[in-house]
Protein backbone atom coordinates (compact mmCIF):
# COMPACT_ATOMS: atom_id res chain seq x y z
CA UNK A 1 48.61 172.78 -26.57
CA UNK A 2 48.41 171.82 -22.81
CA UNK A 3 49.54 174.36 -20.39
CA UNK A 4 52.77 173.31 -18.52
CA UNK A 5 52.35 173.31 -14.98
CA UNK A 6 54.21 175.92 -12.81
CA UNK A 7 57.54 175.14 -11.24
CA UNK A 8 56.13 176.30 -8.02
CA UNK A 9 53.76 173.00 -7.46
CA UNK A 10 56.80 171.00 -8.00
CA UNK A 11 58.70 169.46 -5.25
CA UNK A 12 61.67 167.21 -4.95
CA UNK A 13 61.66 163.98 -3.13
CA UNK A 14 64.62 161.50 -2.58
CA UNK A 15 63.70 157.98 -2.66
CA UNK A 16 65.98 155.12 -1.29
CA UNK A 17 68.53 154.51 1.44
CA UNK A 18 72.24 154.79 1.22
CA UNK A 19 71.59 155.01 -2.63
CA UNK A 20 68.95 157.20 -3.55
CA UNK A 21 67.04 159.13 -6.42
CA UNK A 22 65.89 162.63 -6.51
CA UNK A 23 62.50 162.65 -8.07
CA UNK A 24 60.81 165.88 -9.29
CA UNK A 25 57.01 165.50 -8.75
CA UNK A 26 53.74 167.35 -8.06
CA UNK A 27 53.44 165.19 -4.46
CA UNK A 28 55.15 162.74 -2.51
CA UNK A 29 52.53 160.05 -3.53
CA UNK A 30 53.12 160.66 -7.11
CA UNK A 31 56.70 160.39 -6.71
CA UNK A 32 56.49 157.09 -4.68
CA UNK A 33 54.10 155.33 -7.28
CA UNK A 34 55.93 156.63 -10.27
CA UNK A 35 59.28 155.26 -9.01
CA UNK A 36 57.58 152.00 -8.11
CA UNK A 37 56.15 151.62 -11.49
CA UNK A 38 59.18 152.84 -13.36
CA UNK A 39 61.77 150.85 -11.23
CA UNK A 40 59.61 147.86 -11.35
CA UNK A 41 59.27 147.32 -7.60
CA UNK A 42 56.31 145.97 -5.82
CA UNK A 43 54.56 147.56 -2.87
CA UNK A 44 56.63 145.11 -0.49
CA UNK A 45 59.82 145.93 -2.00
CA UNK A 46 59.10 149.68 -1.58
CA UNK A 47 58.55 149.27 1.89
CA UNK A 48 62.22 148.94 2.39
CA UNK A 49 62.90 152.59 1.01
CA UNK A 50 62.80 155.89 2.68
CA UNK A 51 61.12 158.71 1.10
CA UNK A 52 61.84 162.27 2.17
CA UNK A 53 61.61 165.78 1.00
CA UNK A 54 64.69 167.02 -0.60
CA UNK A 55 65.51 170.73 -0.90
CA UNK A 56 64.67 171.60 -4.41
CA UNK A 57 66.98 174.66 -4.18
CA UNK A 58 70.01 172.81 -2.79
CA UNK A 59 73.07 172.48 -4.93
CA UNK A 60 74.70 169.37 -5.53
CA UNK A 61 77.74 168.71 -7.65
CA UNK A 62 76.81 166.15 -10.77
CA UNK A 63 80.07 164.44 -11.92
CA UNK A 64 81.29 165.58 -15.44
CA UNK A 65 78.64 168.38 -15.30
CA UNK A 66 78.40 171.14 -12.83
CA UNK A 67 76.95 172.19 -9.45
CA UNK A 68 73.21 172.43 -9.93
CA UNK A 69 69.85 172.42 -7.92
CA UNK A 70 67.03 170.17 -8.81
CA UNK A 71 65.12 173.47 -9.49
CA UNK A 72 67.63 174.27 -12.14
CA UNK A 73 67.49 170.89 -13.76
CA UNK A 74 63.56 171.37 -14.10
CA UNK A 75 64.27 174.62 -16.16
CA UNK A 76 66.78 172.64 -18.30
CA UNK A 77 64.60 169.65 -19.20
CA UNK A 78 61.62 171.76 -19.73
CA UNK A 79 63.64 173.30 -22.91
CA UNK A 80 64.51 169.93 -24.33
CA UNK A 81 62.30 168.61 -27.28
CA UNK A 82 62.15 165.21 -25.55
CA UNK A 83 60.52 166.56 -22.25
CA UNK A 84 57.02 165.21 -21.91
CA UNK A 85 56.07 166.26 -18.38
CA UNK A 86 56.76 165.51 -14.67
CA UNK A 87 57.98 163.35 -12.60
CA UNK A 88 61.48 163.12 -13.56
CA UNK A 89 64.59 162.00 -11.93
CA UNK A 90 66.69 164.97 -11.26
CA UNK A 91 69.69 163.06 -10.16
CA UNK A 92 70.87 160.05 -8.22
CA UNK A 93 73.37 159.48 -5.43
CA UNK A 94 75.36 156.38 -4.60
CA UNK A 95 76.54 155.84 -0.99
CA UNK A 96 80.10 155.04 -2.26
CA UNK A 97 80.32 158.39 -4.23
CA UNK A 98 80.79 161.92 -3.03
CA UNK A 99 78.91 163.24 -6.28
CA UNK A 100 75.62 162.90 -7.85
CA UNK A 101 74.92 161.26 -11.31
CA UNK A 102 72.20 161.85 -13.89
CA UNK A 103 71.49 160.23 -17.39
CA UNK A 104 70.51 163.82 -18.45
CA UNK A 105 73.89 165.24 -17.81
CA UNK A 106 75.91 162.37 -19.17
CA UNK A 107 74.81 163.40 -22.79
CA UNK A 108 74.46 167.08 -21.94
CA UNK A 109 78.14 167.56 -20.34
CA UNK A 110 79.46 169.21 -23.37
CA UNK A 111 76.82 172.19 -23.28
CA UNK A 112 77.79 173.04 -19.74
CA UNK A 113 79.72 176.40 -19.37
CA UNK A 114 80.97 175.37 -15.93
């Protein structure tokens, strides 16, 4: 069995502009390339997006779930049978919404205690 990487080597990076996704990755470069490849963007299209460090400890409100940090999401997804490794999208934010959303929390909301 492969040893899981320590959480301490993981960071959070936001990619986008008014709308953005927060990606958990081992480096900014890995997050950039992973986002590009998974979203199907070209290098030219990626130049239109900003990428910045996102505080992994910062609590955000995820609609229909709870207030949670990217670090807490890391722990939660590592416990899933479907977890295969990083990078992952922790959550996403649209400029027209005051809250964050996420695919993981949409089906896991019934497990929330908050």
